[in-house]
Amino acid sequence: MNEAGPATESVRARALVTGASSGIGKAFAERLARDGYDLILVARRRDRLKALAARLSEESSVSVDVLAADLTKSDELEKVESRIGREPALDLLVNNAGFGAYMPFVELAPGRAEELIRLQVLAVTLLTRAALPGMISRRKGAVINVSSRLAFSASLPSPPLPKRAVYAATKSYINTFSRIMANELAGTGVRVQALCPGVVRTEFHEVQGIDASRFPVGIMSPEDLVAASLAGLARDEVICIPALDDPGLLATVEESERRLLEASSGGEPSKRYET
């Protein structure tokens, strides 16, 4: 195990996972280690990262570096960007770090809203930007951005869904960003996925004081979520919704978007706005 040491060449594939100290990020780290990836694990909690790195190094005989960083802080985000830029052969970036802050918008402290946007919009954008040049030059690599089913929830009321204006909006950004990046990167050998979980059995809801078992939906294990994500990536799924049995529903949404753009391309206001 190395702690924020210099990147070194490796014959194995290498992945960087943010939010790796628990939950979905930890499940990604465990699965990727079993698959033979050398790892760079990023999270705020150094003690948890070091314990995880030691265990994965022993169990899977992979190299695991840890980089403690709070991605809501500019200087620490820059530290991770710099590490990615120095990495000679990063095969996979998993932008997983995030938190919920479910509450009415007017009760959400401005500083907390800014942290949410920095973590789930700015960090995702800048870390992806740092990783892509090397991947494109090697014509190989992938970025998985952890989004949420709530990215599709703007038309639905709360309750039964949580109050989620800023959280859901950041996840909508992740979906749009990932889809457009996938289009831009077509033919480069680099893939992009927005992973849209529902309720997952992690600490995510507990730290907000929410009993996830009360939600009227199923609860997925993080291990199953990660397995679905990687299977979807192998199939070039840009939007991966692991619990969705009918992918035609997503195709319907995308077709509706195309039709809306085509139908709203006129140079004059619609007659329905005439007074």
Protein backbone atom coordinates (compact mmCIF):
# COMPACT_ATOMS: atom_id res chain seq x y z
CA MET A 1 0.00 0.00 0.00
CA ASN A 2 1.22 3.49 -0.85
CA GLU A 3 -0.20 6.69 0.59
CA ALA A 4 -0.48 9.39 -2.09
CA GLY A 5 2.83 8.23 -3.54
CA PRO A 6 4.02 8.97 -7.07
CA ALA A 7 2.30 7.12 -9.86
CA THR A 8 4.26 4.22 -11.30
CA GLU A 9 3.98 2.14 -14.45
CA SER A 10 2.04 -1.08 -14.05
CA VAL A 11 1.25 -3.94 -16.39
CA ARG A 12 -2.20 -4.13 -14.80
CA ALA A 13 -5.15 -1.92 -15.50
CA ARG A 14 -5.47 1.00 -13.07
CA ALA A 15 -8.60 2.67 -11.71
CA LEU A 16 -9.25 5.72 -9.54
CA VAL A 17 -12.38 5.67 -7.37
CA THR A 18 -13.67 8.68 -5.44
CA GLY A 19 -15.81 8.27 -2.33
CA ALA A 20 -14.06 4.94 -1.88
CA SER A 21 -14.15 4.67 1.91
CA SER A 22 -17.69 3.28 2.11
CA GLY A 23 -20.82 2.26 0.23
CA ILE A 24 -20.82 2.19 -3.56
CA GLY A 25 -17.25 3.45 -3.84
CA LYS A 26 -15.97 0.74 -1.53
CA ALA A 27 -17.90 -1.88 -3.51
CA PHE A 28 -16.30 -0.61 -6.73
CA ALA A 29 -12.86 -0.82 -5.13
CA GLU A 30 -13.44 -4.37 -3.90
CA ARG A 31 -14.76 -5.58 -7.25
CA LEU A 32 -12.04 -3.87 -9.28
CA ALA A 33 -9.34 -5.31 -7.01
CA ARG A 34 -10.76 -8.80 -7.55
CA ASP A 35 -10.71 -8.10 -11.29
CA GLY A 36 -6.99 -7.32 -11.05
CA TYR A 37 -6.99 -3.51 -11.18
CA ASP A 38 -4.35 -1.54 -9.37
CA LEU A 39 -6.19 1.21 -7.50
CA ILE A 40 -6.04 4.82 -6.39
CA LEU A 41 -8.65 5.35 -3.69
CA VAL A 42 -9.87 8.86 -2.87
CA ALA A 43 -12.05 9.93 0.07
CA ARG A 44 -11.99 12.26 3.08
CA ARG A 45 -11.47 9.56 5.71
CA ARG A 46 -7.81 8.57 5.58
CA ASP A 47 -8.13 5.90 8.28
CA ARG A 48 -10.83 4.03 6.38
CA LEU A 49 -8.92 4.33 3.11
CA LYS A 50 -5.75 2.92 4.65
CA ALA A 51 -7.60 -0.02 6.21
CA LEU A 52 -9.36 -0.80 2.93
CA ALA A 53 -6.15 -0.48 0.94
CA ALA A 54 -4.28 -2.83 3.25
CA ARG A 55 -7.04 -5.44 3.01
CA LEU A 56 -7.37 -5.25 -0.77
CA SER A 57 -3.60 -5.40 -1.27
CA GLU A 58 -3.43 -8.56 0.82
CA GLU A 59 -6.53 -10.25 -0.59
CA SER A 60 -6.00 -9.49 -4.28
CA SER A 61 -2.25 -8.82 -4.59
CA VAL A 62 -2.85 -5.47 -6.27
CA SER A 63 -1.20 -2.10 -5.72
CA VAL A 64 -3.46 0.30 -3.83
CA ASP A 65 -2.59 3.98 -3.33
CA VAL A 66 -4.68 6.17 -1.03
CA LEU A 67 -5.27 9.88 -1.48
CA ALA A 68 -7.20 11.59 1.30
CA ALA A 69 -9.03 14.60 -0.14
CA ASP A 70 -12.20 16.60 0.39
CA LEU A 71 -13.38 17.27 -3.17
CA THR A 72 -15.56 20.18 -2.07
CA LYS A 73 -12.35 22.16 -1.40
CA SER A 74 -10.58 23.69 -4.41
CA ASP A 75 -7.01 22.94 -3.31
CA GLU A 76 -7.80 19.30 -2.50
CA LEU A 77 -9.71 18.82 -5.75
CA GLU A 78 -6.69 20.22 -7.60
CA LYS A 79 -4.51 17.66 -5.80
CA VAL A 80 -6.60 14.82 -7.25
CA GLU A 81 -6.68 16.44 -10.71
CA SER A 82 -2.89 16.66 -10.60
CA ARG A 83 -2.57 13.01 -9.60
CA ILE A 84 -4.78 11.97 -12.50
CA GLY A 85 -2.74 14.12 -14.86
CA ARG A 86 0.48 12.40 -13.72
CA GLU A 87 -1.02 8.93 -14.05
CA PRO A 88 0.53 7.31 -17.12
CA ALA A 89 -2.19 4.76 -17.81
CA LEU A 90 -5.47 5.33 -16.01
CA ASP A 91 -7.97 2.88 -17.45
CA LEU A 92 -11.03 3.72 -15.36
CA LEU A 93 -12.25 6.74 -13.41
CA VAL A 94 -15.22 6.22 -11.08
CA ASN A 95 -16.70 9.55 -9.98
CA ASN A 96 -18.70 8.30 -7.03
CA ALA A 97 -18.23 10.81 -4.19
CA GLY A 98 -21.49 12.43 -3.14
CA PHE A 99 -24.02 13.11 -0.42
CA GLY A 100 -27.76 13.73 -0.26
CA ALA A 101 -28.81 16.79 1.77
CA TYR A 102 -32.49 15.92 1.34
CA MET A 103 -34.57 18.77 2.73
CA PRO A 104 -36.74 21.66 1.51
CA PHE A 105 -34.56 24.00 -0.55
CA VAL A 106 -35.26 27.01 1.68
CA GLU A 107 -33.93 25.02 4.65
CA LEU A 108 -30.73 23.98 2.89
CA ALA A 109 -27.86 26.15 4.11
CA PRO A 110 -26.23 28.06 1.23
CA GLY A 111 -22.82 26.64 2.12
CA ARG A 112 -24.18 23.10 2.06
CA ALA A 113 -25.79 23.71 -1.33
CA GLU A 114 -22.45 24.96 -2.64
CA GLU A 115 -20.68 21.86 -1.31
CA LEU A 116 -23.22 19.65 -3.06
CA ILE A 117 -22.69 21.43 -6.38
CA ARG A 118 -18.91 21.43 -5.99
CA LEU A 119 -18.84 17.70 -5.27
CA GLN A 120 -21.43 16.43 -7.72
CA VAL A 121 -20.95 18.89 -10.57
CA LEU A 122 -17.58 20.62 -10.40
CA ALA A 123 -15.52 17.64 -9.19
CA VAL A 124 -17.13 15.28 -11.70
CA THR A 125 -16.42 17.74 -14.51
CA LEU A 126 -12.83 18.55 -13.60
CA LEU A 127 -11.73 15.01 -12.78
CA THR A 128 -13.22 13.77 -16.04
CA ARG A 129 -11.42 16.58 -17.87
CA ALA A 130 -8.15 15.54 -16.22
CA ALA A 131 -8.58 11.88 -17.19
CA LEU A 132 -9.73 12.14 -20.79
CA PRO A 133 -6.62 13.37 -22.62
CA GLY A 134 -4.57 10.35 -21.59
CA MET A 135 -7.40 7.93 -22.33
CA ILE A 136 -7.99 9.46 -25.75
CA SER A 137 -4.29 9.34 -26.62
CA ARG A 138 -4.20 5.63 -25.70
CA ARG A 139 -7.58 5.03 -27.37
CA LYS A 140 -8.63 3.17 -24.24
CA GLY A 141 -10.45 3.96 -21.03
CA ALA A 142 -13.76 4.61 -19.34
CA VAL A 143 -15.44 7.02 -16.95
CA ILE A 144 -18.31 5.96 -14.70
CA ASN A 145 -20.20 8.88 -13.15
CA VAL A 146 -22.50 7.82 -10.32
CA SER A 147 -25.82 9.57 -10.83
CA SER A 148 -29.25 8.61 -9.47
CA ARG A 149 -32.76 7.61 -10.50
CA LEU A 150 -33.73 10.96 -8.97
CA ALA A 151 -32.22 12.63 -12.04
CA PHE A 152 -35.54 11.71 -13.69
CA SER A 153 -37.73 12.83 -10.80
CA ALA A 154 -38.46 16.51 -11.49
CA SER A 155 -42.09 15.84 -12.40
CA LEU A 156 -42.79 13.73 -9.33
CA PRO A 157 -43.95 15.13 -5.98
CA SER A 158 -42.46 14.89 -2.53
CA PRO A 159 -43.56 12.88 -0.74
CA PRO A 160 -43.25 9.99 -1.43
CA LEU A 161 -39.87 11.03 -2.86
CA PRO A 162 -37.53 13.08 -0.66
CA LYS A 163 -37.21 16.83 -1.02
CA ARG A 164 -34.26 16.96 -3.35
CA ALA A 165 -34.06 20.08 -5.55
CA VAL A 166 -30.29 20.59 -5.54
CA TYR A 167 -29.36 16.91 -5.25
CA ALA A 168 -31.58 15.82 -8.14
CA ALA A 169 -30.46 18.77 -10.25
CA THR A 170 -26.80 17.79 -9.84
CA LYS A 171 -27.64 14.26 -10.91
CA SER A 172 -29.50 15.58 -13.97
CA TYR A 173 -26.30 17.44 -14.82
CA ILE A 174 -24.32 14.20 -14.53
CA ASN A 175 -26.69 12.43 -16.92
CA THR A 176 -26.59 15.20 -19.53
CA PHE A 177 -22.83 15.66 -19.19
CA SER A 178 -22.23 11.91 -19.56
CA ARG A 179 -24.49 11.55 -22.58
CA ILE A 180 -22.91 14.44 -24.45
CA MET A 181 -19.40 13.25 -23.54
CA ALA A 182 -20.25 9.78 -24.87
CA ASN A 183 -21.32 11.36 -28.16
CA GLU A 184 -18.16 13.48 -28.37
CA LEU A 185 -15.96 10.47 -27.63
CA ALA A 186 -17.55 8.12 -30.17
CA GLY A 187 -14.81 6.35 -32.10
CA THR A 188 -12.03 7.21 -29.61
CA GLY A 189 -12.13 3.95 -27.68
CA VAL A 190 -13.19 5.81 -24.51
CA ARG A 191 -16.56 5.05 -22.93
CA VAL A 192 -18.68 7.06 -20.51
CA GLN A 193 -21.50 5.84 -18.27
CA ALA A 194 -23.93 7.58 -15.96
CA LEU A 195 -24.92 5.01 -13.33
CA CYS A 196 -28.40 5.65 -11.92
CA PRO A 197 -29.03 3.65 -8.74
CA GLY A 198 -32.17 3.74 -6.70
CA VAL A 199 -31.98 2.99 -2.97
CA VAL A 200 -28.77 1.12 -2.16
CA ARG A 201 -27.85 -0.59 1.10
CA THR A 202 -25.14 1.84 2.27
CA GLU A 203 -24.56 4.58 4.86
CA PHE A 204 -25.89 7.20 2.41
CA HIS A 205 -29.32 7.54 4.00
CA GLU A 206 -28.25 6.76 7.57
CA VAL A 207 -25.96 9.80 7.74
CA GLN A 208 -29.00 11.95 6.90
CA GLY A 209 -31.08 10.32 9.63
CA ILE A 210 -33.32 8.59 7.06
CA ASP A 211 -34.59 5.03 7.48
CA ALA A 212 -34.28 3.72 3.91
CA SER A 213 -36.35 0.64 4.79
CA ARG A 214 -39.42 2.93 4.88
CA PHE A 215 -39.08 3.78 1.18
CA PRO A 216 -41.73 2.06 -0.99
CA VAL A 217 -39.05 0.61 -3.29
CA GLY A 218 -36.58 -2.25 -3.22
CA ILE A 219 -33.11 -1.86 -1.73
CA MET A 220 -30.18 -3.05 -3.84
CA SER A 221 -26.85 -4.26 -2.50
CA PRO A 222 -23.83 -2.17 -3.55
CA GLU A 223 -22.18 -5.30 -4.89
CA ASP A 224 -25.10 -6.00 -7.24
CA LEU A 225 -25.12 -2.36 -8.32
CA VAL A 226 -21.43 -2.45 -9.22
CA ALA A 227 -21.82 -5.74 -11.10
CA ALA A 228 -24.67 -4.25 -13.14
CA SER A 229 -22.67 -1.09 -13.84
CA LEU A 230 -19.68 -3.00 -15.18
CA ALA A 231 -21.92 -5.29 -17.24
CA GLY A 232 -23.63 -2.21 -18.67
CA LEU A 233 -20.29 -0.60 -19.45
CA ALA A 234 -19.26 -3.71 -21.37
CA ARG A 235 -22.47 -3.26 -23.40
CA ASP A 236 -21.72 0.44 -24.00
CA GLU A 237 -24.75 1.60 -22.01
CA VAL A 238 -24.39 5.32 -21.45
CA ILE A 239 -27.31 5.58 -19.03
CA CYS A 240 -27.26 2.51 -16.79
CA ILE A 241 -30.31 2.00 -14.56
CA PRO A 242 -29.63 -1.36 -12.89
CA ALA A 243 -33.17 -2.01 -11.65
CA LEU A 244 -34.81 -1.18 -15.00
CA ASP A 245 -36.07 -4.30 -16.79
CA ASP A 246 -37.43 -2.49 -19.87
CA PRO A 247 -34.74 -0.33 -21.54
CA GLY A 248 -37.42 0.75 -24.01
CA LEU A 249 -38.68 3.18 -21.36
CA LEU A 250 -35.36 5.04 -21.47
CA ALA A 251 -35.45 5.00 -25.27
CA THR A 252 -38.91 6.58 -25.07
CA VAL A 253 -37.56 9.41 -22.91
CA GLU A 254 -34.70 10.03 -25.34
CA GLU A 255 -37.06 10.00 -28.32
CA SER A 256 -39.33 12.51 -26.55
CA GLU A 257 -36.33 14.80 -26.10
CA ARG A 258 -35.50 14.61 -29.80
CA ARG A 259 -39.09 15.33 -30.79
CA LEU A 260 -39.26 18.29 -28.39
CA LEU A 261 -36.09 19.81 -29.84
CA GLU A 262 -37.33 19.35 -33.39
CA ALA A 263 -40.77 20.78 -32.59
CA SER A 264 -39.35 23.86 -30.85
CA SER A 265 -36.84 24.93 -33.50
CA GLY A 266 -38.95 27.64 -35.11
CA GLY A 267 -37.86 31.27 -35.30
CA GLU A 268 -41.12 32.71 -34.04
CA PRO A 269 -43.00 32.27 -30.74
CA SER A 270 -45.73 29.66 -30.80
CA LYS A 271 -49.21 30.94 -31.62
CA ARG A 272 -50.30 29.76 -28.18
CA TYR A 273 -48.50 32.80 -26.74
CA GLU A 274 -50.44 35.26 -28.84
CA THR A 275 -52.68 37.57 -26.85
